[in-house]
Amino acid sequence: MRIMKRGKDAKKKFKKKTPRFLFKKKKCRFCGDKALEISYLNHLFLRKFTTERGKIVPSRVSGNCAKHQRRMAKEIKRARQMALIPYVYVGT
């Protein structure tokens, strides 16, 4: 014999779980276009992958695959050391 719970717990048990956010997976722009080159010398292109605070944008936002995201992070750090990209952007 099964005893049914009453109150808040009874509704939670039978509630159907659905995902809150459905998003489309972004394609890696470097895998799609082999002509694009990741280089620390191309600092204007690397700035697109940093936030206004100077942080590196995560791959789930930028859409890069893991291989190219690691390469992108390495080149951004190189550009920072060469003073092509600032570590922290000065706000106005």
PDB file of N, CA and C in Angstrom:
ATOM      1  N   MET A   1       0.834  -1.174   0.000  1.00  0.00           N
ATOM      2  CA  MET A   1       0.000   0.000   0.000  1.00  0.00           C
ATOM      3  C   MET A   1       0.889   1.252   0.000  1.00  0.00           C
ATOM      4  N   ARG A   2       0.596   2.169  -0.873  1.00  0.00           N
ATOM      5  CA  ARG A   2       1.398   3.371  -1.053  1.00  0.00           C
ATOM      6  C   ARG A   2       0.712   4.558  -0.389  1.00  0.00           C
ATOM      7  N   ILE A   3       1.458   5.290   0.403  1.00  0.00           N
ATOM      8  CA  ILE A   3       0.899   6.449   1.101  1.00  0.00           C
ATOM      9  C   ILE A   3       1.270   7.696   0.306  1.00  0.00           C
ATOM     10  N   MET A   4       0.284   8.485  -0.061  1.00  0.00           N
ATOM     11  CA  MET A   4       0.504   9.722  -0.808  1.00  0.00           C
ATOM     12  C   MET A   4       0.826  10.854   0.160  1.00  0.00           C
ATOM     13  N   LYS A   5       1.813  11.657  -0.171  1.00  0.00           N
ATOM     14  CA  LYS A   5       2.165  12.807   0.649  1.00  0.00           C
ATOM     15  C   LYS A   5       1.248  13.960   0.298  1.00  0.00           C
ATOM     16  N   ARG A   6       1.020  14.792   1.270  1.00  0.00           N
ATOM     17  CA  ARG A   6       0.183  15.960   1.036  1.00  0.00           C
ATOM     18  C   ARG A   6       0.990  17.221   1.277  1.00  0.00           C
ATOM     19  N   GLY A   7       0.582  18.278   0.633  1.00  0.00           N
ATOM     20  CA  GLY A   7       1.256  19.552   0.819  1.00  0.00           C
ATOM     21  C   GLY A   7       2.224  19.837  -0.323  1.00  0.00           C
ATOM     22  N   LYS A   8       3.329  20.498  -0.001  1.00  0.00           N
ATOM     23  CA  LYS A   8       4.298  20.940  -1.002  1.00  0.00           C
ATOM     24  C   LYS A   8       5.001  19.763  -1.681  1.00  0.00           C
ATOM     25  N   ASP A   9       5.317  18.715  -0.924  1.00  0.00           N
ATOM     26  CA  ASP A   9       6.061  17.580  -1.451  1.00  0.00           C
ATOM     27  C   ASP A   9       5.296  16.816  -2.516  1.00  0.00           C
ATOM     28  N   ALA A  10       3.989  16.794  -2.425  1.00  0.00           N
ATOM     29  CA  ALA A  10       3.184  16.046  -3.386  1.00  0.00           C
ATOM     30  C   ALA A  10       3.288  16.657  -4.778  1.00  0.00           C
ATOM     31  N   LYS A  11       3.319  17.965  -4.865  1.00  0.00           N
ATOM     32  CA  LYS A  11       3.409  18.636  -6.167  1.00  0.00           C
ATOM     33  C   LYS A  11       4.796  18.489  -6.773  1.00  0.00           C
ATOM     34  N   LYS A  12       5.821  18.520  -5.943  1.00  0.00           N
ATOM     35  CA  LYS A  12       7.186  18.411  -6.441  1.00  0.00           C
ATOM     36  C   LYS A  12       7.463  17.042  -7.054  1.00  0.00           C
ATOM     37  N   LYS A  13       6.824  16.018  -6.506  1.00  0.00           N
ATOM     38  CA  LYS A  13       7.094  14.660  -6.954  1.00  0.00           C
ATOM     39  C   LYS A  13       6.664  14.431  -8.398  1.00  0.00           C
ATOM     40  N   PHE A  14       5.545  15.005  -8.773  1.00  0.00           N
ATOM     41  CA  PHE A  14       4.984  14.765 -10.095  1.00  0.00           C
ATOM     42  C   PHE A  14       5.285  15.880 -11.093  1.00  0.00           C
ATOM     43  N   LYS A  15       6.048  16.869 -10.679  1.00  0.00           N
ATOM     44  CA  LYS A  15       6.366  17.983 -11.565  1.00  0.00           C
ATOM     45  C   LYS A  15       7.365  17.533 -12.632  1.00  0.00           C
ATOM     46  N   LYS A  16       7.071  17.834 -13.862  1.00  0.00           N
ATOM     47  CA  LYS A  16       7.936  17.447 -14.972  1.00  0.00           C
ATOM     48  C   LYS A  16       9.056  18.479 -15.128  1.00  0.00           C
ATOM     49  N   LYS A  17      10.281  17.995 -15.179  1.00  0.00           N
ATOM     50  CA  LYS A  17      11.419  18.898 -15.310  1.00  0.00           C
ATOM     51  C   LYS A  17      11.697  19.168 -16.778  1.00  0.00           C
ATOM     52  N   THR A  18      11.799  20.444 -17.114  1.00  0.00           N
ATOM     53  CA  THR A  18      12.129  20.854 -18.473  1.00  0.00           C
ATOM     54  C   THR A  18      13.331  21.794 -18.403  1.00  0.00           C
ATOM     55  N   PRO A  19      14.175  21.769 -19.404  1.00  0.00           N
ATOM     56  CA  PRO A  19      15.322  22.675 -19.385  1.00  0.00           C
ATOM     57  C   PRO A  19      14.861  24.132 -19.495  1.00  0.00           C
ATOM     58  N   ARG A  20      15.526  24.994 -18.748  1.00  0.00           N
ATOM     59  CA  ARG A  20      15.134  26.402 -18.754  1.00  0.00           C
ATOM     60  C   ARG A  20      15.608  27.125 -20.005  1.00  0.00           C
ATOM     61  N   PHE A  21      16.830  26.845 -20.413  1.00  0.00           N
ATOM     62  CA  PHE A  21      17.393  27.559 -21.552  1.00  0.00           C
ATOM     63  C   PHE A  21      17.811  26.561 -22.620  1.00  0.00           C
ATOM     64  N   LEU A  22      17.356  26.773 -23.816  1.00  0.00           N
ATOM     65  CA  LEU A  22      17.808  25.983 -24.958  1.00  0.00           C
ATOM     66  C   LEU A  22      18.623  26.904 -25.834  1.00  0.00           C
ATOM     67  N   PHE A  23      19.850  26.537 -26.110  1.00  0.00           N
ATOM     68  CA  PHE A  23      20.691  27.385 -26.934  1.00  0.00           C
ATOM     69  C   PHE A  23      21.333  26.555 -28.034  1.00  0.00           C
ATOM     70  N   LYS A  24      21.661  27.236 -29.094  1.00  0.00           N
ATOM     71  CA  LYS A  24      22.286  26.596 -30.237  1.00  0.00           C
ATOM     72  C   LYS A  24      23.803  26.624 -30.045  1.00  0.00           C
ATOM     73  N   LYS A  25      24.447  25.502 -30.267  1.00  0.00           N
ATOM     74  CA  LYS A  25      25.893  25.403 -30.124  1.00  0.00           C
ATOM     75  C   LYS A  25      26.564  26.251 -31.196  1.00  0.00           C
ATOM     76  N   LYS A  26      27.490  27.104 -30.763  1.00  0.00           N
ATOM     77  CA  LYS A  26      28.203  27.955 -31.707  1.00  0.00           C
ATOM     78  C   LYS A  26      29.297  27.157 -32.405  1.00  0.00           C
ATOM     79  N   LYS A  27      29.558  27.499 -33.642  1.00  0.00           N
ATOM     80  CA  LYS A  27      30.609  26.833 -34.412  1.00  0.00           C
ATOM     81  C   LYS A  27      31.927  27.575 -34.214  1.00  0.00           C
ATOM     82  N   CYS A  28      32.989  26.835 -34.173  1.00  0.00           N
ATOM     83  CA  CYS A  28      34.316  27.426 -34.042  1.00  0.00           C
ATOM     84  C   CYS A  28      34.690  28.104 -35.359  1.00  0.00           C
ATOM     85  N   ARG A  29      35.006  29.381 -35.290  1.00  0.00           N
ATOM     86  CA  ARG A  29      35.318  30.121 -36.517  1.00  0.00           C
ATOM     87  C   ARG A  29      36.663  29.713 -37.113  1.00  0.00           C
ATOM     88  N   PHE A  30      37.550  29.186 -36.276  1.00  0.00           N
ATOM     89  CA  PHE A  30      38.865  28.783 -36.764  1.00  0.00           C
ATOM     90  C   PHE A  30      38.830  27.416 -37.441  1.00  0.00           C
ATOM     91  N   CYS A  31      37.935  26.540 -36.987  1.00  0.00           N
ATOM     92  CA  CYS A  31      37.775  25.246 -37.658  1.00  0.00           C
ATOM     93  C   CYS A  31      37.083  25.423 -39.002  1.00  0.00           C
ATOM     94  N   GLY A  32      36.158  26.372 -39.075  1.00  0.00           N
ATOM     95  CA  GLY A  32      35.423  26.603 -40.316  1.00  0.00           C
ATOM     96  C   GLY A  32      36.253  27.307 -41.371  1.00  0.00           C
ATOM     97  N   ASP A  33      37.058  28.264 -40.961  1.00  0.00           N
ATOM     98  CA  ASP A  33      37.864  29.046 -41.905  1.00  0.00           C
ATOM     99  C   ASP A  33      39.340  28.833 -41.577  1.00  0.00           C
ATOM    100  N   LYS A  34      40.004  28.005 -42.369  1.00  0.00           N
ATOM    101  CA  LYS A  34      41.413  27.667 -42.112  1.00  0.00           C
ATOM    102  C   LYS A  34      42.356  28.838 -42.384  1.00  0.00           C
ATOM    103  N   ALA A  35      41.871  29.868 -43.080  1.00  0.00           N
ATOM    104  CA  ALA A  35      42.720  31.013 -43.400  1.00  0.00           C
ATOM    105  C   ALA A  35      42.932  31.920 -42.187  1.00  0.00           C
ATOM    106  N   LEU A  36      42.018  31.868 -41.208  1.00  0.00           N
ATOM    107  CA  LEU A  36      42.192  32.682 -40.001  1.00  0.00           C
ATOM    108  C   LEU A  36      43.377  32.175 -39.196  1.00  0.00           C
ATOM    109  N   GLU A  37      44.222  33.097 -38.805  1.00  0.00           N
ATOM    110  CA  GLU A  37      45.426  32.729 -38.069  1.00  0.00           C
ATOM    111  C   GLU A  37      45.384  33.366 -36.684  1.00  0.00           C
ATOM    112  N   ILE A  38      45.731  32.592 -35.677  1.00  0.00           N
ATOM    113  CA  ILE A  38      45.799  33.100 -34.310  1.00  0.00           C
ATOM    114  C   ILE A  38      47.244  33.493 -34.045  1.00  0.00           C
ATOM    115  N   SER A  39      47.479  34.779 -33.896  1.00  0.00           N
ATOM    116  CA  SER A  39      48.832  35.274 -33.666  1.00  0.00           C
ATOM    117  C   SER A  39      48.785  36.435 -32.678  1.00  0.00           C
ATOM    118  N   TYR A  40      49.795  36.529 -31.839  1.00  0.00           N
ATOM    119  CA  TYR A  40      49.839  37.619 -30.869  1.00  0.00           C
ATOM    120  C   TYR A  40      50.070  38.963 -31.545  1.00  0.00           C
ATOM    121  N   LEU A  41      50.577  38.954 -32.765  1.00  0.00           N
ATOM    122  CA  LEU A  41      50.824  40.203 -33.480  1.00  0.00           C
ATOM    123  C   LEU A  41      49.533  40.857 -33.959  1.00  0.00           C
ATOM    124  N   ASN A  42      48.482  40.055 -34.133  1.00  0.00           N
ATOM    125  CA  ASN A  42      47.185  40.569 -34.580  1.00  0.00           C
ATOM    126  C   ASN A  42      46.372  40.970 -33.351  1.00  0.00           C
ATOM    127  N   HIS A  43      46.814  42.024 -32.669  1.00  0.00           N
ATOM    128  CA  HIS A  43      46.221  42.396 -31.393  1.00  0.00           C
ATOM    129  C   HIS A  43      44.817  42.963 -31.525  1.00  0.00           C
ATOM    130  N   LEU A  44      44.476  43.555 -32.651  1.00  0.00           N
ATOM    131  CA  LEU A  44      43.114  44.069 -32.840  1.00  0.00           C
ATOM    132  C   LEU A  44      42.106  42.929 -32.918  1.00  0.00           C
ATOM    133  N   PHE A  45      42.510  41.814 -33.493  1.00  0.00           N
ATOM    134  CA  PHE A  45      41.647  40.635 -33.570  1.00  0.00           C
ATOM    135  C   PHE A  45      41.532  39.967 -32.197  1.00  0.00           C
ATOM    136  N   LEU A  46      42.620  39.945 -31.444  1.00  0.00           N
ATOM    137  CA  LEU A  46      42.612  39.314 -30.126  1.00  0.00           C
ATOM    138  C   LEU A  46      41.765  40.090 -29.119  1.00  0.00           C
ATOM    139  N   ARG A  47      41.594  41.381 -29.325  1.00  0.00           N
ATOM    140  CA  ARG A  47      40.784  42.196 -28.418  1.00  0.00           C
ATOM    141  C   ARG A  47      39.317  41.796 -28.444  1.00  0.00           C
ATOM    142  N   LYS A  48      38.877  41.156 -29.525  1.00  0.00           N
ATOM    143  CA  LYS A  48      37.496  40.686 -29.613  1.00  0.00           C
ATOM    144  C   LYS A  48      37.235  39.553 -28.626  1.00  0.00           C
ATOM    145  N   PHE A  49      38.285  38.879 -28.194  1.00  0.00           N
ATOM    146  CA  PHE A  49      38.157  37.737 -27.301  1.00  0.00           C
ATOM    147  C   PHE A  49      38.493  38.102 -25.860  1.00  0.00           C
ATOM    148  N   THR A  50      38.493  39.385 -25.545  1.00  0.00           N
ATOM    149  CA  THR A  50      38.669  39.838 -24.174  1.00  0.00           C
ATOM    150  C   THR A  50      37.497  40.741 -23.805  1.00  0.00           C
ATOM    151  N   THR A  51      37.171  40.769 -22.505  1.00  0.00           N
ATOM    152  CA  THR A  51      36.089  41.621 -22.038  1.00  0.00           C
ATOM    153  C   THR A  51      36.596  43.041 -21.871  1.00  0.00           C
ATOM    154  N   GLU A  52      35.701  43.955 -21.503  1.00  0.00           N
ATOM    155  CA  GLU A  52      36.116  45.340 -21.282  1.00  0.00           C
ATOM    156  C   GLU A  52      36.984  45.473 -20.042  1.00  0.00           C
ATOM    157  N   ARG A  53      36.973  44.450 -19.185  1.00  0.00           N
ATOM    158  CA  ARG A  53      37.837  44.440 -17.999  1.00  0.00           C
ATOM    159  C   ARG A  53      39.194  43.798 -18.285  1.00  0.00           C
ATOM    160  N   GLY A  54      39.356  43.203 -19.464  1.00  0.00           N
ATOM    161  CA  GLY A  54      40.632  42.596 -19.831  1.00  0.00           C
ATOM    162  C   GLY A  54      40.684  41.096 -19.651  1.00  0.00           C
ATOM    163  N   LYS A  55      39.573  40.479 -19.240  1.00  0.00           N
ATOM    164  CA  LYS A  55      39.556  39.033 -19.024  1.00  0.00           C
ATOM    165  C   LYS A  55      39.346  38.306 -20.347  1.00  0.00           C
ATOM    166  N   ILE A  56      39.825  37.079 -20.423  1.00  0.00           N
ATOM    167  CA  ILE A  56      39.648  36.254 -21.618  1.00  0.00           C
ATOM    168  C   ILE A  56      38.233  35.698 -21.620  1.00  0.00           C
ATOM    169  N   VAL A  57      37.550  35.826 -22.748  1.00  0.00           N
ATOM    170  CA  VAL A  57      36.164  35.372 -22.876  1.00  0.00           C
ATOM    171  C   VAL A  57      36.147  33.846 -22.907  1.00  0.00           C
ATOM    172  N   PRO A  58      35.237  33.185 -22.162  1.00  0.00           N
ATOM    173  CA  PRO A  58      35.188  31.727 -22.164  1.00  0.00           C
ATOM    174  C   PRO A  58      34.710  31.164 -23.492  1.00  0.00           C
ATOM    175  N   SER A  59      35.018  29.903 -23.730  1.00  0.00           N
ATOM    176  CA  SER A  59      34.695  29.288 -25.011  1.00  0.00           C
ATOM    177  C   SER A  59      33.193  29.147 -25.228  1.00  0.00           C
ATOM    178  N   ARG A  60      32.409  29.033 -24.164  1.00  0.00           N
ATOM    179  CA  ARG A  60      30.964  28.915 -24.345  1.00  0.00           C
ATOM    180  C   ARG A  60      30.356  30.215 -24.855  1.00  0.00           C
ATOM    181  N   VAL A  61      31.052  31.332 -24.638  1.00  0.00           N
ATOM    182  CA  VAL A  61      30.593  32.628 -25.142  1.00  0.00           C
ATOM    183  C   VAL A  61      31.185  32.903 -26.517  1.00  0.00           C
ATOM    184  N   SER A  62      32.475  32.662 -26.678  1.00  0.00           N
ATOM    185  CA  SER A  62      33.140  32.962 -27.946  1.00  0.00           C
ATOM    186  C   SER A  62      32.816  31.941 -29.024  1.00  0.00           C
ATOM    187  N   GLY A  63      32.510  30.697 -28.621  1.00  0.00           N
ATOM    188  CA  GLY A  63      32.178  29.662 -29.600  1.00  0.00           C
ATOM    189  C   GLY A  63      33.379  28.890 -30.105  1.00  0.00           C
ATOM    190  N   ASN A  64      34.543  29.118 -29.530  1.00  0.00           N
ATOM    191  CA  ASN A  64      35.741  28.398 -29.960  1.00  0.00           C
ATOM    192  C   ASN A  64      35.730  26.965 -29.445  1.00  0.00           C
ATOM    193  N   CYS A  65      36.347  26.067 -30.204  1.00  0.00           N
ATOM    194  CA  CYS A  65      36.523  24.701 -29.713  1.00  0.00           C
ATOM    195  C   CYS A  65      37.657  24.719 -28.690  1.00  0.00           C
ATOM    196  N   ALA A  66      37.845  23.618 -27.978  1.00  0.00           N
ATOM    197  CA  ALA A  66      38.825  23.563 -26.892  1.00  0.00           C
ATOM    198  C   ALA A  66      40.244  23.805 -27.396  1.00  0.00           C
ATOM    199  N   LYS A  67      40.563  23.242 -28.546  1.00  0.00           N
ATOM    200  CA  LYS A  67      41.912  23.383 -29.109  1.00  0.00           C
ATOM    201  C   LYS A  67      42.223  24.844 -29.422  1.00  0.00           C
ATOM    202  N   HIS A  68      41.304  25.510 -30.091  1.00  0.00           N
ATOM    203  CA  HIS A  68      41.544  26.897 -30.473  1.00  0.00           C
ATOM    204  C   HIS A  68      41.395  27.853 -29.296  1.00  0.00           C
ATOM    205  N   GLN A  69      40.589  27.493 -28.300  1.00  0.00           N
ATOM    206  CA  GLN A  69      40.471  28.339 -27.112  1.00  0.00           C
ATOM    207  C   GLN A  69      41.780  28.347 -26.327  1.00  0.00           C
ATOM    208  N   ARG A  70      42.436  27.194 -26.221  1.00  0.00           N
ATOM    209  CA  ARG A  70      43.737  27.136 -25.540  1.00  0.00           C
ATOM    210  C   ARG A  70      44.773  27.963 -26.293  1.00  0.00           C
ATOM    211  N   ARG A  71      44.764  27.847 -27.609  1.00  0.00           N
ATOM    212  CA  ARG A  71      45.708  28.618 -28.430  1.00  0.00           C
ATOM    213  C   ARG A  71      45.436  30.109 -28.323  1.00  0.00           C
ATOM    214  N   MET A  72      44.144  30.465 -28.314  1.00  0.00           N
ATOM    215  CA  MET A  72      43.751  31.869 -28.205  1.00  0.00           C
ATOM    216  C   MET A  72      44.216  32.449 -26.867  1.00  0.00           C
ATOM    217  N   ALA A  73      44.030  31.698 -25.778  1.00  0.00           N
ATOM    218  CA  ALA A  73      44.450  32.172 -24.454  1.00  0.00           C
ATOM    219  C   ALA A  73      45.965  32.362 -24.400  1.00  0.00           C
ATOM    220  N   LYS A  74      46.690  31.444 -24.999  1.00  0.00           N
ATOM    221  CA  LYS A  74      48.152  31.539 -25.007  1.00  0.00           C
ATOM    222  C   LYS A  74      48.618  32.773 -25.782  1.00  0.00           C
ATOM    223  N   GLU A  75      47.987  33.048 -26.918  1.00  0.00           N
ATOM    224  CA  GLU A  75      48.382  34.206 -27.726  1.00  0.00           C
ATOM    225  C   GLU A  75      47.972  35.523 -27.071  1.00  0.00           C
ATOM    226  N   ILE A  76      46.848  35.531 -26.361  1.00  0.00           N
ATOM    227  CA  ILE A  76      46.447  36.744 -25.634  1.00  0.00           C
ATOM    228  C   ILE A  76      47.456  37.036 -24.535  1.00  0.00           C
ATOM    229  N   LYS A  77      47.876  36.000 -23.829  1.00  0.00           N
ATOM    230  CA  LYS A  77      48.868  36.186 -22.762  1.00  0.00           C
ATOM    231  C   LYS A  77      50.206  36.647 -23.324  1.00  0.00           C
ATOM    232  N   ARG A  78      50.570  36.142 -24.497  1.00  0.00           N
ATOM    233  CA  ARG A  78      51.799  36.593 -25.156  1.00  0.00           C
ATOM    234  C   ARG A  78      51.704  38.062 -25.543  1.00  0.00           C
ATOM    235  N   ALA A  79      50.545  38.450 -26.088  1.00  0.00           N
ATOM    236  CA  ALA A  79      50.347  39.844 -26.494  1.00  0.00           C
ATOM    237  C   ALA A  79      50.370  40.776 -25.280  1.00  0.00           C
ATOM    238  N   ARG A  80      49.883  40.294 -24.154  1.00  0.00           N
ATOM    239  CA  ARG A  80      49.950  41.095 -22.930  1.00  0.00           C
ATOM    240  C   ARG A  80      51.393  41.313 -22.497  1.00  0.00           C
ATOM    241  N   GLN A  81      52.206  40.259 -22.576  1.00  0.00           N
ATOM    242  CA  GLN A  81      53.607  40.394 -22.179  1.00  0.00           C
ATOM    243  C   GLN A  81      54.375  41.327 -23.106  1.00  0.00           C
ATOM    244  N   MET A  82      53.988  41.350 -24.383  1.00  0.00           N
ATOM    245  CA  MET A  82      54.649  42.233 -25.342  1.00  0.00           C
ATOM    246  C   MET A  82      54.057  43.640 -25.308  1.00  0.00           C
ATOM    247  N   ALA A  83      53.095  43.887 -24.409  1.00  0.00           N
ATOM    248  CA  ALA A  83      52.433  45.184 -24.218  1.00  0.00           C
ATOM    249  C   ALA A  83      51.623  45.611 -25.443  1.00  0.00           C
ATOM    250  N   LEU A  84      51.102  44.641 -26.197  1.00  0.00           N
ATOM    251  CA  LEU A  84      50.208  44.958 -27.310  1.00  0.00           C
ATOM    252  C   LEU A  84      48.756  45.059 -26.830  1.00  0.00           C
ATOM    253  N   ILE A  85      48.452  44.310 -25.772  1.00  0.00           N
ATOM    254  CA  ILE A  85      47.130  44.331 -25.154  1.00  0.00           C
ATOM    255  C   ILE A  85      47.344  44.620 -23.672  1.00  0.00           C
ATOM    256  N   PRO A  86      46.566  45.534 -23.088  1.00  0.00           N
ATOM    257  CA  PRO A  86      46.741  45.802 -21.663  1.00  0.00           C
ATOM    258  C   PRO A  86      46.169  44.662 -20.807  1.00  0.00           C
ATOM    259  N   TYR A  87      46.725  44.493 -19.623  1.00  0.00           N
ATOM    260  CA  TYR A  87      46.193  43.492 -18.689  1.00  0.00           C
ATOM    261  C   TYR A  87      44.813  43.902 -18.207  1.00  0.00           C
ATOM    262  N   VAL A  88      44.659  45.180 -17.886  1.00  0.00           N
ATOM    263  CA  VAL A  88      43.377  45.731 -17.433  1.00  0.00           C
ATOM    264  C   VAL A  88      43.134  47.009 -18.205  1.00  0.00           C
ATOM    265  N   TYR A  89      41.938  47.133 -18.780  1.00  0.00           N
ATOM    266  CA  TYR A  89      41.598  48.352 -19.508  1.00  0.00           C
ATOM    267  C   TYR A  89      41.229  49.448 -18.511  1.00  0.00           C
ATOM    268  N   VAL A  90      41.720  50.644 -18.762  1.00  0.00           N
ATOM    269  CA  VAL A  90      41.439  51.765 -17.885  1.00  0.00           C
ATOM    270  C   VAL A  90      40.089  52.345 -18.267  1.00  0.00           C
ATOM    271  N   GLY A  91      39.194  52.389 -17.298  1.00  0.00           N
ATOM    272  CA  GLY A  91      37.841  52.914 -17.557  1.00  0.00           C
ATOM    273  C   GLY A  91      37.830  54.439 -17.574  1.00  0.00           C
ATOM    274  N   THR A  92      36.910  54.991 -18.356  1.00  0.00           N
ATOM    275  CA  THR A  92      36.786  56.445 -18.410  1.00  0.00           C
ATOM    276  C   THR A  92      35.454  56.879 -17.877  1.00  0.00           C
TER     277      THR A  92
END
